[in-house]
Amino acid sequence: MGVKTEHRKRIRTPFAHQILINNAIMGNATDISEGGLYVHTGRMFSSGSLLDISVHVKSHTLRFKAEVKHCEEGVGMGLEFVDIDPSNQGELKNILAELEAKASGAGKKKILIIDANEAVRRMNKSRLVLDGFSVLEAKDTEEALKILEEEQVDMVILDICVEPMNGFETISLIRQMPQHKDIPVIAWAVKSTPDVMEQAMNAGATIFLQKTTTSPIKMSENVKKLLEK
């Protein structure tokens, strides 16, 4: 009997692992639940497609059948597990328990990612959580400022093209908050001209990174360096 789930009721846990689709196409999982995976890949499949999924975890490979539930061009696909083998289901529960324990924010440095691109947030969050950080997300400046008013964070990662105000203004506002005036702020953008970089630094950014050349692993390395983790 297939596993049916309402995605909103499932707890999604960051899961930065490569997966193999139909024994031919590589993709990157960004989160996982008992019901399925969210996957970022260069190739999209139509809703309702059944896929063979393989993922290597802890020296062995798990294999699942999954149905494509929804696609977001340029973002990723939501996959729902179908007919999970009992042994795989047990192993999945063990993996989720370990991941959820690792994702717990207690005593961990807290990072806020501000970016309109959900795929970018997912991939970087997954990497940072696996590297021992607690991560908050905001899709725009309004959401980010609300979080910053309610939470004490240790670092902000900010796309300077975020709306409704530009990232330079957002950095300036962060620097005006007494509790956040001294935290590291990583500014990044696809466009990285000297003028853009200078504006970001003048606004109060700690460092500037080019989005197209900064992988989640490289981002995490910069975060660790700035926080001396």
Protein backbone atom coordinates (compact mmCIF):
# COMPACT_ATOMS: atom_id res chain seq x y z
CA MET A 1 0.00 0.00 0.00
CA GLY A 2 1.44 3.38 -0.98
CA VAL A 3 2.47 5.96 1.55
CA LYS A 4 0.06 8.87 1.30
CA THR A 5 0.83 12.08 3.08
CA GLU A 6 -0.25 15.65 3.40
CA HIS A 7 3.08 17.45 2.99
CA ARG A 8 2.25 20.32 5.31
CA LYS A 9 1.75 17.90 8.22
CA ARG A 10 5.13 16.25 7.74
CA ILE A 11 8.21 17.52 9.51
CA ARG A 12 10.79 18.31 6.85
CA THR A 13 14.38 17.83 7.99
CA PRO A 14 17.42 19.23 6.13
CA PHE A 15 19.06 16.46 4.14
CA ALA A 16 21.95 17.56 1.91
CA HIS A 17 22.64 14.37 -0.04
CA GLN A 18 23.08 13.49 -3.66
CA ILE A 19 20.47 11.13 -5.05
CA LEU A 20 20.28 9.05 -8.21
CA ILE A 21 17.06 9.22 -10.22
CA ASN A 22 16.12 6.30 -12.49
CA ASN A 23 19.72 5.05 -12.29
CA ALA A 24 20.77 7.83 -14.65
CA ILE A 25 20.22 11.37 -13.35
CA MET A 26 21.95 12.96 -10.37
CA GLY A 27 20.07 15.35 -8.12
CA ASN A 28 20.51 17.02 -4.75
CA ALA A 29 18.04 16.37 -1.96
CA THR A 30 17.53 19.38 0.29
CA ASP A 31 15.13 17.97 2.88
CA ILE A 32 13.40 14.72 3.79
CA SER A 33 10.42 13.49 5.80
CA GLU A 34 8.73 10.14 6.40
CA GLY A 35 6.61 10.96 3.37
CA GLY A 36 9.16 12.02 0.79
CA LEU A 37 11.99 14.22 -0.43
CA TYR A 38 12.47 17.64 -1.92
CA VAL A 39 14.97 17.48 -4.78
CA HIS A 40 16.87 20.05 -6.81
CA THR A 41 17.92 18.82 -10.24
CA GLY A 42 18.53 20.23 -13.68
CA ARG A 43 15.81 18.04 -15.18
CA MET A 44 12.15 18.32 -14.24
CA PHE A 45 9.55 15.54 -14.42
CA SER A 46 5.82 16.00 -14.83
CA SER A 47 3.51 15.66 -11.84
CA GLY A 48 2.43 12.05 -11.36
CA SER A 49 5.66 10.57 -12.75
CA LEU A 50 6.98 7.55 -10.85
CA LEU A 51 10.71 7.62 -10.20
CA ASP A 52 13.29 5.18 -8.85
CA ILE A 53 15.33 6.96 -6.18
CA SER A 54 18.65 5.78 -4.74
CA VAL A 55 20.47 7.57 -1.94
CA HIS A 56 23.72 6.54 -0.27
CA VAL A 57 23.61 6.98 3.50
CA LYS A 58 26.05 5.59 6.04
CA SER A 59 27.86 3.14 3.80
CA HIS A 60 24.73 1.61 2.31
CA THR A 61 22.20 2.55 -0.35
CA LEU A 62 18.48 3.08 0.24
CA ARG A 63 16.13 2.66 -2.70
CA PHE A 64 12.62 4.08 -2.96
CA LYS A 65 9.82 4.48 -5.45
CA ALA A 66 8.58 8.07 -5.46
CA GLU A 67 5.84 10.00 -7.19
CA VAL A 68 6.36 13.58 -8.36
CA LYS A 69 3.75 15.61 -6.48
CA HIS A 70 4.70 19.10 -7.60
CA CYS A 71 7.36 20.86 -9.68
CA GLU A 72 8.72 24.38 -9.43
CA GLU A 73 10.77 25.29 -12.49
CA GLY A 74 14.22 26.46 -11.43
CA VAL A 75 13.53 25.47 -7.81
CA GLY A 76 12.91 21.75 -7.52
CA MET A 77 10.46 18.88 -7.16
CA GLY A 78 8.50 17.50 -4.25
CA LEU A 79 8.56 13.68 -4.26
CA GLU A 80 6.27 11.40 -2.26
CA PHE A 81 7.47 7.91 -1.33
CA VAL A 82 5.38 5.01 -2.67
CA ASP A 83 5.39 1.39 -1.44
CA ILE A 84 8.34 1.69 0.93
CA ASP A 85 9.94 -1.63 1.78
CA PRO A 86 9.64 -2.29 5.58
CA SER A 87 13.42 -2.49 6.00
CA ASN A 88 13.90 0.82 4.21
CA GLN A 89 11.10 2.38 6.25
CA GLY A 90 12.80 1.37 9.48
CA GLU A 91 16.13 2.74 8.28
CA LEU A 92 14.43 5.96 7.16
CA LYS A 93 12.98 6.47 10.65
CA ASN A 94 16.44 5.98 12.18
CA ILE A 95 17.96 8.50 9.76
CA LEU A 96 15.23 11.03 10.49
CA ALA A 97 15.70 10.66 14.24
CA GLU A 98 19.43 11.32 13.90
CA LEU A 99 18.91 14.25 11.53
CA GLU A 100 16.29 15.86 13.76
CA ALA A 101 18.59 15.53 16.78
CA LYS A 102 21.39 17.11 14.77
CA ALA A 103 19.10 19.91 13.58
CA SER A 104 18.11 20.89 17.11
CA GLY A 105 19.12 24.49 17.70
CA ALA A 106 20.06 24.16 21.36
CA GLY A 107 23.48 25.67 21.98
CA LYS A 108 24.20 26.17 18.29
CA LYS A 109 25.15 29.29 16.37
CA LYS A 110 22.07 30.69 14.67
CA ILE A 111 22.22 31.83 11.04
CA LEU A 112 19.55 33.81 9.17
CA ILE A 113 19.43 33.33 5.39
CA ILE A 114 17.59 36.10 3.52
CA ASP A 115 16.95 35.11 -0.09
CA ALA A 116 13.93 35.08 -2.38
CA ASN A 117 15.10 31.88 -4.08
CA GLU A 118 13.73 28.90 -2.16
CA ALA A 119 16.21 26.46 -3.72
CA VAL A 120 19.14 28.61 -2.61
CA ARG A 121 17.79 28.77 0.92
CA ARG A 122 17.13 25.02 1.04
CA MET A 123 20.57 23.98 -0.23
CA ASN A 124 22.51 26.33 2.01
CA LYS A 125 20.36 25.55 5.03
CA SER A 126 20.90 21.82 4.53
CA ARG A 127 24.67 22.24 4.38
CA LEU A 128 24.81 24.57 7.39
CA VAL A 129 22.59 22.32 9.52
CA LEU A 130 24.78 19.32 8.69
CA ASP A 131 27.79 21.39 9.74
CA GLY A 132 26.30 22.10 13.15
CA PHE A 133 24.40 25.38 12.79
CA SER A 134 20.81 26.34 13.49
CA VAL A 135 19.27 28.11 10.49
CA LEU A 136 16.35 30.50 10.05
CA GLU A 137 14.98 31.56 6.66
CA ALA A 138 13.37 34.70 5.25
CA LYS A 139 12.18 35.21 1.69
CA ASP A 140 12.17 39.02 1.84
CA THR A 141 13.27 41.94 3.99
CA GLU A 142 9.94 42.32 5.78
CA GLU A 143 10.06 38.73 6.97
CA ALA A 144 13.76 39.08 7.85
CA LEU A 145 13.30 42.22 9.95
CA LYS A 146 10.45 40.60 11.86
CA ILE A 147 12.68 37.62 12.67
CA LEU A 148 15.54 39.90 13.72
CA GLU A 149 13.26 41.78 16.08
CA GLU A 150 12.23 38.53 17.77
CA GLU A 151 15.39 36.43 17.57
CA GLN A 152 19.05 36.89 18.46
CA VAL A 153 21.06 35.54 15.53
CA ASP A 154 24.82 35.13 15.20
CA MET A 155 25.08 35.86 11.48
CA VAL A 156 23.07 37.00 8.48
CA ILE A 157 23.51 35.76 4.90
CA LEU A 158 21.83 38.21 2.56
CA ASP A 159 21.16 38.41 -1.17
CA ILE A 160 21.52 42.11 -1.89
CA CYS A 161 18.78 41.88 -4.54
CA VAL A 162 16.18 40.88 -1.97
CA GLU A 163 12.97 42.94 -1.98
CA PRO A 164 10.99 45.07 -1.23
CA MET A 165 13.95 47.23 -0.21
CA ASN A 166 17.40 46.54 -1.56
CA GLY A 167 20.00 44.62 0.37
CA PHE A 168 22.13 47.69 1.07
CA GLU A 169 19.27 49.28 2.99
CA THR A 170 18.62 46.01 4.79
CA ILE A 171 22.23 45.77 5.95
CA SER A 172 22.06 49.36 7.21
CA LEU A 173 18.91 48.56 9.19
CA ILE A 174 20.54 45.49 10.71
CA ARG A 175 23.49 47.62 11.80
CA GLN A 176 21.06 50.00 13.53
CA MET A 177 19.72 47.18 15.73
CA PRO A 178 21.72 47.20 19.00
CA GLN A 179 21.54 43.41 19.36
CA HIS A 180 22.79 42.85 15.80
CA LYS A 181 25.07 45.78 15.09
CA ASP A 182 28.25 43.71 15.45
CA ILE A 183 27.26 40.34 13.97
CA PRO A 184 28.90 39.18 10.71
CA VAL A 185 26.83 39.84 7.60
CA ILE A 186 27.65 37.95 4.41
CA ALA A 187 26.33 39.81 1.38
CA TRP A 188 26.19 38.03 -1.94
CA ALA A 189 24.73 38.48 -5.41
CA VAL A 190 24.88 37.12 -8.93
CA LYS A 191 26.09 40.53 -10.10
CA SER A 192 29.39 41.31 -8.39
CA THR A 193 30.78 44.46 -9.97
CA PRO A 194 33.25 46.58 -7.98
CA ASP A 195 30.50 49.17 -7.48
CA VAL A 196 28.06 46.63 -6.05
CA MET A 197 30.72 45.18 -3.76
CA GLU A 198 31.71 48.64 -2.54
CA GLN A 199 28.10 49.57 -1.78
CA ALA A 200 27.63 46.37 0.20
CA MET A 201 30.77 46.92 2.25
CA ASN A 202 29.92 50.58 2.85
CA ALA A 203 26.47 49.55 4.08
CA GLY A 204 28.08 47.32 6.70
CA ALA A 205 28.64 43.90 5.12
CA THR A 206 31.48 41.88 6.61
CA ILE A 207 32.36 40.12 3.36
CA PHE A 208 30.93 39.92 -0.17
CA LEU A 209 30.62 36.67 -2.13
CA GLN A 210 29.67 36.00 -5.72
CA LYS A 211 26.59 33.81 -5.83
CA THR A 212 27.47 31.88 -8.97
CA THR A 213 30.79 30.66 -7.57
CA THR A 214 29.80 30.07 -3.95
CA SER A 215 28.57 26.52 -3.36
CA PRO A 216 26.82 25.55 -0.11
CA ILE A 217 30.08 23.94 1.05
CA LYS A 218 32.04 27.10 0.32
CA MET A 219 29.39 29.20 2.06
CA SER A 220 29.63 27.00 5.15
CA GLU A 221 33.42 27.35 5.13
CA ASN A 222 33.05 31.15 5.16
CA VAL A 223 30.49 30.97 7.96
CA LYS A 224 32.81 28.80 10.07
CA LYS A 225 35.73 31.14 9.48
CA LEU A 226 33.76 34.24 10.45
CA LEU A 227 32.31 32.58 13.55
CA GLU A 228 35.59 30.78 14.34
CA LYS A 229 33.74 27.48 14.62
